Amino acid sequence: MLPEDALVSAIARAVGPPSGGVALGIGDDGAVLDDGTVASTDVLVEGVHFDLARMCPRDVGHRAAAANLSDLAAMGAWPVALLAAFGLPPGFEDAAEIAAGMSEHGVPIAGGDLSRAPVLIVSVTAIGRSERPVRRSGGQPGDVLVVTGQLGGQAAAGYAGRITPRIEEGCALAAVATAMIDLSDGIATDAERLARASGTGAVVELERLPRAPGATVEQAAAGGEDYELLAALPPGAEPPVPVTVVGRLTAEPDVLLLDATGAPRTLRGWDHFA
């Protein structure tokens, strides 16, 4: 099977360019309509994204909503509503607990769908608004790469921790950022996605990554599911929220992860189909 990014590209080619009021289609953290509506959807599958032996239904709902809200944050969009769809296996009685976990973010659940399924499946669509949606594709050589928060915490905790989507930070960074992406799959992968979309290369200095307690450099770079934000800022721009400088965009096409000695490291983040 093709890697995830190649599959996304194939689907985008199959459906063609956006039209009919869609300003930005497949390939970013969210779709953007002409009126500034931003929408993103994700699906969580039992046995792939979570284990009910280690995560309660309320936490599954919390995480499912957080993943989508993080996508809105990466676009600089403020959330308005969630739509939720559940595939429920035989004997599962905790759908209301999943919805309660989603509601913990304070965003209304406006509707959804229910179906029978062989395992628990939770799909969420987040809808938001932005006056200036930030794409992955606006970065320029020389832009500074910054991240919010700390990285590697989810990997270090066995992916059982709670996620806080950086909505306020994303909306604030949208005023100055040239490009932005959320770190769902690890900066080792997501920095390359931002650079490729912007038509640039990138350098990420691994020793600069703000590591969560107990996280290794490898977990901070490639562990994934941190849902922090990676933004490109013009040189000299004043970040409106606390961030850590971790690298820069370059005119050269390569995307390099450099260790403390300046030597390149080969690290890859999460890919569903690798």
C-alpha atoms as a PDB file:
ATOM      1  CA  MET A   1       0.000   0.000   0.000  1.00  0.00           C
ATOM      2  CA  LEU A   2       1.136   3.549  -0.718  1.00  0.00           C
ATOM      3  CA  PRO A   3       2.327   5.727   2.192  1.00  0.00           C
ATOM      4  CA  GLU A   4      -0.248   8.091   3.678  1.00  0.00           C
ATOM      5  CA  ASP A   5       0.912  11.258   1.893  1.00  0.00           C
ATOM      6  CA  ALA A   6       0.985   9.466  -1.466  1.00  0.00           C
ATOM      7  CA  LEU A   7      -2.561   8.204  -0.893  1.00  0.00           C
ATOM      8  CA  VAL A   8      -3.752  11.722  -0.079  1.00  0.00           C
ATOM      9  CA  SER A   9      -2.143  13.010  -3.288  1.00  0.00           C
ATOM     10  CA  ALA A  10      -3.776  10.232  -5.327  1.00  0.00           C
ATOM     11  CA  ILE A  11      -7.196  11.038  -3.878  1.00  0.00           C
ATOM     12  CA  ALA A  12      -6.693  14.758  -4.556  1.00  0.00           C
ATOM     13  CA  ARG A  13      -5.868  14.011  -8.202  1.00  0.00           C
ATOM     14  CA  ALA A  14      -8.908  11.756  -8.502  1.00  0.00           C
ATOM     15  CA  VAL A  15     -11.379  14.371  -7.238  1.00  0.00           C
ATOM     16  CA  GLY A  16      -9.746  17.342  -8.970  1.00  0.00           C
ATOM     17  CA  PRO A  17      -9.325  20.945  -7.788  1.00  0.00           C
ATOM     18  CA  PRO A  18     -11.852  22.493  -5.374  1.00  0.00           C
ATOM     19  CA  SER A  19     -14.850  24.356  -6.753  1.00  0.00           C
ATOM     20  CA  GLY A  20     -18.336  25.491  -5.814  1.00  0.00           C
ATOM     21  CA  GLY A  21     -17.425  27.751  -2.913  1.00  0.00           C
ATOM     22  CA  VAL A  22     -14.427  25.732  -1.661  1.00  0.00           C
ATOM     23  CA  ALA A  23     -11.348  27.936  -1.375  1.00  0.00           C
ATOM     24  CA  LEU A  24      -8.963  25.244  -0.123  1.00  0.00           C
ATOM     25  CA  GLY A  25      -9.481  21.523  -0.572  1.00  0.00           C
ATOM     26  CA  ILE A  26      -7.570  18.318   0.116  1.00  0.00           C
ATOM     27  CA  GLY A  27      -4.021  18.446   1.446  1.00  0.00           C
ATOM     28  CA  ASP A  28      -4.008  20.836   4.402  1.00  0.00           C
ATOM     29  CA  ASP A  29      -5.054  20.571   8.047  1.00  0.00           C
ATOM     30  CA  GLY A  30      -8.554  21.627   7.087  1.00  0.00           C
ATOM     31  CA  ALA A  31     -10.755  22.584   4.168  1.00  0.00           C
ATOM     32  CA  VAL A  32     -11.659  26.271   3.768  1.00  0.00           C
ATOM     33  CA  LEU A  33     -14.848  27.608   2.221  1.00  0.00           C
ATOM     34  CA  ASP A  34     -15.125  30.986   0.528  1.00  0.00           C
ATOM     35  CA  ASP A  35     -16.921  32.462   3.550  1.00  0.00           C
ATOM     36  CA  GLY A  36     -14.077  31.605   5.947  1.00  0.00           C
ATOM     37  CA  THR A  37     -15.616  28.411   7.319  1.00  0.00           C
ATOM     38  CA  VAL A  38     -12.912  25.849   8.148  1.00  0.00           C
ATOM     39  CA  ALA A  39     -13.682  22.135   8.522  1.00  0.00           C
ATOM     40  CA  SER A  40     -11.599  19.112   9.452  1.00  0.00           C
ATOM     41  CA  THR A  41     -12.420  15.451  10.028  1.00  0.00           C
ATOM     42  CA  ASP A  42     -10.620  12.529  11.650  1.00  0.00           C
ATOM     43  CA  VAL A  43     -11.452   8.933  12.461  1.00  0.00           C
ATOM     44  CA  LEU A  44     -10.201   6.874  15.421  1.00  0.00           C
ATOM     45  CA  VAL A  45     -10.345   3.085  15.195  1.00  0.00           C
ATOM     46  CA  GLU A  46     -10.075   0.703  18.136  1.00  0.00           C
ATOM     47  CA  GLY A  47      -6.895  -1.334  17.896  1.00  0.00           C
ATOM     48  CA  VAL A  48      -5.244   1.275  15.665  1.00  0.00           C
ATOM     49  CA  HIS A  49      -5.552   4.566  17.547  1.00  0.00           C
ATOM     50  CA  PHE A  50      -6.554   3.437  21.018  1.00  0.00           C
ATOM     51  CA  ASP A  51      -6.920   0.413  23.292  1.00  0.00           C
ATOM     52  CA  LEU A  52     -10.003   0.298  25.513  1.00  0.00           C
ATOM     53  CA  ALA A  53      -7.993  -1.744  28.018  1.00  0.00           C
ATOM     54  CA  ARG A  54      -5.844   1.358  28.596  1.00  0.00           C
ATOM     55  CA  MET A  55      -8.186   4.237  27.717  1.00  0.00           C
ATOM     56  CA  CYS A  56     -11.739   4.753  28.983  1.00  0.00           C
ATOM     57  CA  PRO A  57     -14.538   5.795  26.565  1.00  0.00           C
ATOM     58  CA  ARG A  58     -14.607   9.349  27.918  1.00  0.00           C
ATOM     59  CA  ASP A  59     -10.898   9.732  27.160  1.00  0.00           C
ATOM     60  CA  VAL A  60     -11.444   8.317  23.667  1.00  0.00           C
ATOM     61  CA  GLY A  61     -14.026  11.028  23.038  1.00  0.00           C
ATOM     62  CA  HIS A  62     -11.768  13.709  24.484  1.00  0.00           C
ATOM     63  CA  ARG A  63      -8.902  12.633  22.198  1.00  0.00           C
ATOM     64  CA  ALA A  64     -11.092  12.330  19.093  1.00  0.00           C
ATOM     65  CA  ALA A  65     -12.379  15.872  19.479  1.00  0.00           C
ATOM     66  CA  ALA A  66      -8.937  17.221  20.392  1.00  0.00           C
ATOM     67  CA  ALA A  67      -7.374  15.841  17.216  1.00  0.00           C
ATOM     68  CA  ASN A  68      -9.887  17.726  15.081  1.00  0.00           C
ATOM     69  CA  LEU A  69      -9.750  20.905  17.122  1.00  0.00           C
ATOM     70  CA  SER A  70      -5.963  20.835  16.741  1.00  0.00           C
ATOM     71  CA  ASP A  71      -6.433  20.873  12.959  1.00  0.00           C
ATOM     72  CA  LEU A  72      -8.582  23.992  13.281  1.00  0.00           C
ATOM     73  CA  ALA A  73      -5.920  25.549  15.509  1.00  0.00           C
ATOM     74  CA  ALA A  74      -3.320  24.927  12.803  1.00  0.00           C
ATOM     75  CA  MET A  75      -5.493  26.890  10.370  1.00  0.00           C
ATOM     76  CA  GLY A  76      -5.950  29.749  12.837  1.00  0.00           C
ATOM     77  CA  ALA A  77      -9.679  28.954  13.126  1.00  0.00           C
ATOM     78  CA  TRP A  78     -11.889  29.299  16.183  1.00  0.00           C
ATOM     79  CA  PRO A  79     -14.159  26.244  16.659  1.00  0.00           C
ATOM     80  CA  VAL A  80     -17.921  26.619  16.323  1.00  0.00           C
ATOM     81  CA  ALA A  81     -19.313  23.073  16.398  1.00  0.00           C
ATOM     82  CA  LEU A  82     -18.534  19.359  16.224  1.00  0.00           C
ATOM     83  CA  LEU A  83     -20.270  16.559  14.319  1.00  0.00           C
ATOM     84  CA  ALA A  84     -19.723  13.053  15.697  1.00  0.00           C
ATOM     85  CA  ALA A  85     -20.268   9.605  14.178  1.00  0.00           C
ATOM     86  CA  PHE A  86     -19.849   6.377  16.144  1.00  0.00           C
ATOM     87  CA  GLY A  87     -19.482   2.814  14.908  1.00  0.00           C
ATOM     88  CA  LEU A  88     -20.419   0.696  17.916  1.00  0.00           C
ATOM     89  CA  PRO A  89     -19.493  -2.989  18.390  1.00  0.00           C
ATOM     90  CA  PRO A  90     -21.975  -5.473  19.889  1.00  0.00           C
ATOM     91  CA  GLY A  91     -22.432  -4.992  23.635  1.00  0.00           C
ATOM     92  CA  PHE A  92     -20.839  -1.522  23.776  1.00  0.00           C
ATOM     93  CA  GLU A  93     -22.939   0.680  26.058  1.00  0.00           C
ATOM     94  CA  ASP A  94     -20.816   3.783  26.564  1.00  0.00           C
ATOM     95  CA  ALA A  95     -21.582   5.981  23.550  1.00  0.00           C
ATOM     96  CA  ALA A  96     -22.825   8.721  25.884  1.00  0.00           C
ATOM     97  CA  GLU A  97     -19.483   8.658  27.721  1.00  0.00           C
ATOM     98  CA  ILE A  98     -17.642   9.195  24.422  1.00  0.00           C
ATOM     99  CA  ALA A  99     -19.859  12.208  23.709  1.00  0.00           C
ATOM    100  CA  ALA A 100     -19.255  13.517  27.225  1.00  0.00           C
ATOM    101  CA  GLY A 101     -15.508  13.367  26.638  1.00  0.00           C
ATOM    102  CA  MET A 102     -15.886  15.316  23.408  1.00  0.00           C
ATOM    103  CA  SER A 103     -17.921  17.966  25.231  1.00  0.00           C
ATOM    104  CA  GLU A 104     -15.072  18.603  27.684  1.00  0.00           C
ATOM    105  CA  HIS A 105     -13.511  20.992  25.172  1.00  0.00           C
ATOM    106  CA  GLY A 106     -16.486  23.332  25.437  1.00  0.00           C
ATOM    107  CA  VAL A 107     -17.430  23.093  21.749  1.00  0.00           C
ATOM    108  CA  PRO A 108     -21.070  22.137  21.012  1.00  0.00           C
ATOM    109  CA  ILE A 109     -21.823  18.773  19.414  1.00  0.00           C
ATOM    110  CA  ALA A 110     -24.394  19.748  16.785  1.00  0.00           C
ATOM    111  CA  GLY A 111     -25.255  16.310  15.372  1.00  0.00           C
ATOM    112  CA  GLY A 112     -23.841  13.112  13.946  1.00  0.00           C
ATOM    113  CA  ASP A 113     -24.632   9.474  13.162  1.00  0.00           C
ATOM    114  CA  LEU A 114     -24.630   6.006  14.730  1.00  0.00           C
ATOM    115  CA  SER A 115     -23.895   2.638  13.144  1.00  0.00           C
ATOM    116  CA  ARG A 116     -23.031  -0.921  14.106  1.00  0.00           C
ATOM    117  CA  ALA A 117     -19.364  -1.881  13.591  1.00  0.00           C
ATOM    118  CA  PRO A 118     -16.996  -4.782  14.364  1.00  0.00           C
ATOM    119  CA  VAL A 119     -14.850  -2.537  16.590  1.00  0.00           C
ATOM    120  CA  LEU A 120     -15.353   0.891  18.135  1.00  0.00           C
ATOM    121  CA  ILE A 121     -14.961   3.642  15.538  1.00  0.00           C
ATOM    122  CA  VAL A 122     -15.189   7.336  16.417  1.00  0.00           C
ATOM    123  CA  SER A 123     -15.245   9.965  13.683  1.00  0.00           C
ATOM    124  CA  VAL A 124     -15.408  13.705  14.347  1.00  0.00           C
ATOM    125  CA  THR A 125     -15.803  16.691  12.066  1.00  0.00           C
ATOM    126  CA  ALA A 126     -14.858  20.061  13.533  1.00  0.00           C
ATOM    127  CA  ILE A 127     -16.232  23.287  12.053  1.00  0.00           C
ATOM    128  CA  GLY A 128     -14.678  26.669  12.726  1.00  0.00           C
ATOM    129  CA  ARG A 129     -14.276  30.201  11.448  1.00  0.00           C
ATOM    130  CA  SER A 130     -11.207  32.202  10.494  1.00  0.00           C
ATOM    131  CA  GLU A 131     -10.714  35.630   8.944  1.00  0.00           C
ATOM    132  CA  ARG A 132      -7.206  34.614   7.855  1.00  0.00           C
ATOM    133  CA  PRO A 133      -6.841  30.838   7.462  1.00  0.00           C
ATOM    134  CA  VAL A 134      -3.189  29.821   7.598  1.00  0.00           C
ATOM    135  CA  ARG A 135      -2.112  27.170   5.108  1.00  0.00           C
ATOM    136  CA  ARG A 136       0.895  24.885   5.085  1.00  0.00           C
ATOM    137  CA  SER A 137       1.976  26.416   1.806  1.00  0.00           C
ATOM    138  CA  GLY A 138       2.882  30.016   2.666  1.00  0.00           C
ATOM    139  CA  GLY A 139       6.374  29.561   4.111  1.00  0.00           C
ATOM    140  CA  GLN A 140       9.397  31.294   2.582  1.00  0.00           C
ATOM    141  CA  PRO A 141      13.137  30.538   2.726  1.00  0.00           C
ATOM    142  CA  GLY A 142      14.536  32.234   5.806  1.00  0.00           C
ATOM    143  CA  ASP A 143      11.354  31.903   7.845  1.00  0.00           C
ATOM    144  CA  VAL A 144      11.943  30.764  11.415  1.00  0.00           C
ATOM    145  CA  LEU A 145      10.343  27.488  12.540  1.00  0.00           C
ATOM    146  CA  VAL A 146       8.792  27.571  16.025  1.00  0.00           C
ATOM    147  CA  VAL A 147       6.744  25.120  18.087  1.00  0.00           C
ATOM    148  CA  THR A 148       4.302  25.561  20.933  1.00  0.00           C
ATOM    149  CA  GLY A 149       4.510  23.565  24.153  1.00  0.00           C
ATOM    150  CA  GLN A 150       6.595  20.421  24.616  1.00  0.00           C
ATOM    151  CA  LEU A 151       7.112  17.399  22.380  1.00  0.00           C
ATOM    152  CA  GLY A 152       7.371  13.678  22.999  1.00  0.00           C
ATOM    153  CA  GLY A 153       5.032  13.566  25.979  1.00  0.00           C
ATOM    154  CA  GLN A 154       2.491  11.262  24.376  1.00  0.00           C
ATOM    155  CA  ALA A 155       5.141   8.782  23.223  1.00  0.00           C
ATOM    156  CA  ALA A 156       6.804   8.826  26.640  1.00  0.00           C
ATOM    157  CA  ALA A 157       3.435   8.183  28.329  1.00  0.00           C
ATOM    158  CA  GLY A 158       2.485   5.329  26.028  1.00  0.00           C
ATOM    159  CA  TYR A 159      -0.080   7.477  24.181  1.00  0.00           C
ATOM    160  CA  ALA A 160      -2.456   7.395  27.128  1.00  0.00           C
ATOM    161  CA  GLY A 161      -2.210  11.071  28.098  1.00  0.00           C
ATOM    162  CA  ARG A 162      -4.785  13.768  27.489  1.00  0.00           C
ATOM    163  CA  ILE A 163      -4.441  16.254  24.640  1.00  0.00           C
ATOM    164  CA  THR A 164      -5.002  20.006  24.872  1.00  0.00           C
ATOM    165  CA  PRO A 165      -5.502  21.514  21.401  1.00  0.00           C
ATOM    166  CA  ARG A 166      -3.694  24.845  21.038  1.00  0.00           C
ATOM    167  CA  ILE A 167      -6.693  26.804  19.805  1.00  0.00           C
ATOM    168  CA  GLU A 168      -5.864  30.175  21.357  1.00  0.00           C
ATOM    169  CA  GLU A 169      -2.216  29.857  20.337  1.00  0.00           C
ATOM    170  CA  GLY A 170      -3.174  28.949  16.770  1.00  0.00           C
ATOM    171  CA  CYS A 171      -5.519  31.895  16.422  1.00  0.00           C
ATOM    172  CA  ALA A 172      -2.861  34.233  17.825  1.00  0.00           C
ATOM    173  CA  LEU A 173      -0.080  32.847  15.598  1.00  0.00           C
ATOM    174  CA  ALA A 174      -2.336  33.234  12.548  1.00  0.00           C
ATOM    175  CA  ALA A 175      -1.724  36.981  12.727  1.00  0.00           C
ATOM    176  CA  VAL A 176       1.996  36.557  11.944  1.00  0.00           C
ATOM    177  CA  ALA A 177       2.611  33.010  10.654  1.00  0.00           C
ATOM    178  CA  THR A 178       3.288  32.399   6.967  1.00  0.00           C
ATOM    179  CA  ALA A 179       2.531  28.669   7.340  1.00  0.00           C
ATOM    180  CA  MET A 180       1.390  26.332  10.097  1.00  0.00           C
ATOM    181  CA  ILE A 181       0.684  22.643  10.749  1.00  0.00           C
ATOM    182  CA  ASP A 182      -0.237  20.642  13.817  1.00  0.00           C
ATOM    183  CA  LEU A 183       2.214  18.024  15.052  1.00  0.00           C
ATOM    184  CA  SER A 184       0.013  14.956  14.947  1.00  0.00           C
ATOM    185  CA  ASP A 185       2.585  12.652  13.346  1.00  0.00           C
ATOM    186  CA  GLY A 186       5.816  14.073  14.777  1.00  0.00           C
ATOM    187  CA  ILE A 187       7.932  17.014  13.655  1.00  0.00           C
ATOM    188  CA  ALA A 188      10.199  14.647  11.698  1.00  0.00           C
ATOM    189  CA  THR A 189       7.291  14.094   9.305  1.00  0.00           C
ATOM    190  CA  ASP A 190       5.217  17.240   9.729  1.00  0.00           C
ATOM    191  CA  ALA A 191       8.111  19.675   9.169  1.00  0.00           C
ATOM    192  CA  GLU A 192       8.685  17.986   5.824  1.00  0.00           C
ATOM    193  CA  ARG A 193       4.988  18.319   4.961  1.00  0.00           C
ATOM    194  CA  LEU A 194       5.057  22.051   5.690  1.00  0.00           C
ATOM    195  CA  ALA A 195       8.274  22.555   3.734  1.00  0.00           C
ATOM    196  CA  ARG A 196       7.082  20.545   0.717  1.00  0.00           C
ATOM    197  CA  ALA A 197       3.775  22.418   0.632  1.00  0.00           C
ATOM    198  CA  SER A 198       5.677  25.731   0.782  1.00  0.00           C
ATOM    199  CA  GLY A 199       8.144  24.696  -1.924  1.00  0.00           C
ATOM    200  CA  THR A 200      11.114  25.033   0.421  1.00  0.00           C
ATOM    201  CA  GLY A 201      13.549  22.902   2.351  1.00  0.00           C
ATOM    202  CA  ALA A 202      13.953  22.962   6.112  1.00  0.00           C
ATOM    203  CA  VAL A 203      16.473  22.495   8.892  1.00  0.00           C
ATOM    204  CA  VAL A 204      15.303  21.276  12.303  1.00  0.00           C
ATOM    205  CA  GLU A 205      17.833  21.269  15.148  1.00  0.00           C
ATOM    206  CA  LEU A 206      16.909  18.270  17.263  1.00  0.00           C
ATOM    207  CA  GLU A 207      18.629  19.502  20.418  1.00  0.00           C
ATOM    208  CA  ARG A 208      16.391  22.593  20.349  1.00  0.00           C
ATOM    209  CA  LEU A 209      13.178  20.578  20.523  1.00  0.00           C
ATOM    210  CA  PRO A 210      11.360  21.355  23.793  1.00  0.00           C
ATOM    211  CA  ARG A 211      11.068  17.875  25.273  1.00  0.00           C
ATOM    212  CA  ALA A 212       8.379  16.795  27.703  1.00  0.00           C
ATOM    213  CA  PRO A 213       9.617  15.254  30.971  1.00  0.00           C
ATOM    214  CA  GLY A 214      10.956  11.760  30.331  1.00  0.00           C
ATOM    215  CA  ALA A 215      10.894  12.093  26.527  1.00  0.00           C
ATOM    216  CA  THR A 216      13.911  11.245  24.395  1.00  0.00           C
ATOM    217  CA  VAL A 217      15.001  13.254  21.379  1.00  0.00           C
ATOM    218  CA  GLU A 218      13.659  10.487  19.168  1.00  0.00           C
ATOM    219  CA  GLN A 219      10.255  10.591  20.879  1.00  0.00           C
ATOM    220  CA  ALA A 220      10.129  14.380  20.624  1.00  0.00           C
ATOM    221  CA  ALA A 221      10.945  14.272  16.906  1.00  0.00           C
ATOM    222  CA  ALA A 222       9.059  11.210  15.740  1.00  0.00           C
ATOM    223  CA  GLY A 223       6.716  10.029  18.508  1.00  0.00           C
ATOM    224  CA  GLY A 224       3.641  11.852  17.234  1.00  0.00           C
ATOM    225  CA  GLU A 225       0.254  12.666  18.800  1.00  0.00           C
ATOM    226  CA  ASP A 226       1.539  15.711  20.674  1.00  0.00           C
ATOM    227  CA  TYR A 227      -0.835  18.016  18.763  1.00  0.00           C
ATOM    228  CA  GLU A 228       1.362  21.035  19.324  1.00  0.00           C
ATOM    229  CA  LEU A 229       1.740  23.566  16.497  1.00  0.00           C
ATOM    230  CA  LEU A 230       4.665  24.085  14.131  1.00  0.00           C
ATOM    231  CA  ALA A 231       4.644  27.556  12.564  1.00  0.00           C
ATOM    232  CA  ALA A 232       6.851  29.421  10.130  1.00  0.00           C
ATOM    233  CA  LEU A 233       7.387  33.064  11.074  1.00  0.00           C
ATOM    234  CA  PRO A 234       9.055  35.795   9.001  1.00  0.00           C
ATOM    235  CA  PRO A 235      12.527  36.750  10.266  1.00  0.00           C
ATOM    236  CA  GLY A 236      12.214  39.317  13.039  1.00  0.00           C
ATOM    237  CA  ALA A 237       8.522  38.646  13.680  1.00  0.00           C
ATOM    238  CA  GLU A 238       7.499  38.830  17.320  1.00  0.00           C
ATOM    239  CA  PRO A 239       5.625  35.678  18.371  1.00  0.00           C
ATOM    240  CA  PRO A 240       2.352  36.597  20.114  1.00  0.00           C
ATOM    241  CA  VAL A 241       2.485  33.483  22.332  1.00  0.00           C
ATOM    242  CA  PRO A 242       5.322  31.510  23.983  1.00  0.00           C
ATOM    243  CA  VAL A 243       7.118  29.343  21.414  1.00  0.00           C
ATOM    244  CA  THR A 244      10.494  27.655  20.952  1.00  0.00           C
ATOM    245  CA  VAL A 245      12.642  28.263  17.877  1.00  0.00           C
ATOM    246  CA  VAL A 246      13.637  24.874  16.434  1.00  0.00           C
ATOM    247  CA  GLY A 247      14.888  25.623  12.926  1.00  0.00           C
ATOM    248  CA  ARG A 248      14.250  27.456   9.686  1.00  0.00           C
ATOM    249  CA  LEU A 249      12.997  27.090   6.143  1.00  0.00           C
ATOM    250  CA  THR A 250      15.673  27.033   3.457  1.00  0.00           C
ATOM    251  CA  ALA A 251      16.012  27.645  -0.267  1.00  0.00           C
ATOM    252  CA  GLU A 252      17.630  24.207  -0.700  1.00  0.00           C
ATOM    253  CA  PRO A 253      15.134  21.379  -1.252  1.00  0.00           C
ATOM    254  CA  ASP A 254      16.404  19.051   1.483  1.00  0.00           C
ATOM    255  CA  VAL A 255      14.661  18.673   4.834  1.00  0.00           C
ATOM    256  CA  LEU A 256      17.348  17.984   7.431  1.00  0.00           C
ATOM    257  CA  LEU A 257      17.118  16.897  11.052  1.00  0.00           C
ATOM    258  CA  LEU A 258      20.425  17.815  12.648  1.00  0.00           C
ATOM    259  CA  ASP A 259      21.815  16.402  15.899  1.00  0.00           C
ATOM    260  CA  ALA A 260      23.935  18.318  18.417  1.00  0.00           C
ATOM    261  CA  THR A 261      27.057  17.886  16.265  1.00  0.00           C
ATOM    262  CA  GLY A 262      25.325  19.185  13.126  1.00  0.00           C
ATOM    263  CA  ALA A 263      25.120  15.709  11.583  1.00  0.00           C
ATOM    264  CA  PRO A 264      21.863  14.703   9.872  1.00  0.00           C
ATOM    265  CA  ARG A 265      19.605  12.088  11.492  1.00  0.00           C
ATOM    266  CA  THR A 266      17.093   9.890   9.681  1.00  0.00           C
ATOM    267  CA  LEU A 267      13.854   9.836  11.665  1.00  0.00           C
ATOM    268  CA  ARG A 268      10.265   9.368  10.531  1.00  0.00           C
ATOM    269  CA  GLY A 269       7.033  10.064  12.333  1.00  0.00           C
ATOM    270  CA  TRP A 270       3.783   8.118  12.250  1.00  0.00           C
ATOM    271  CA  ASP A 271       2.397   6.808   8.953  1.00  0.00           C
ATOM    272  CA  HIS A 272      -0.749   4.628   9.004  1.00  0.00           C
ATOM    273  CA  PHE A 273       0.366   2.698   5.948  1.00  0.00           C
ATOM    274  CA  ALA A 274       4.160   2.530   6.227  1.00  0.00           C
END
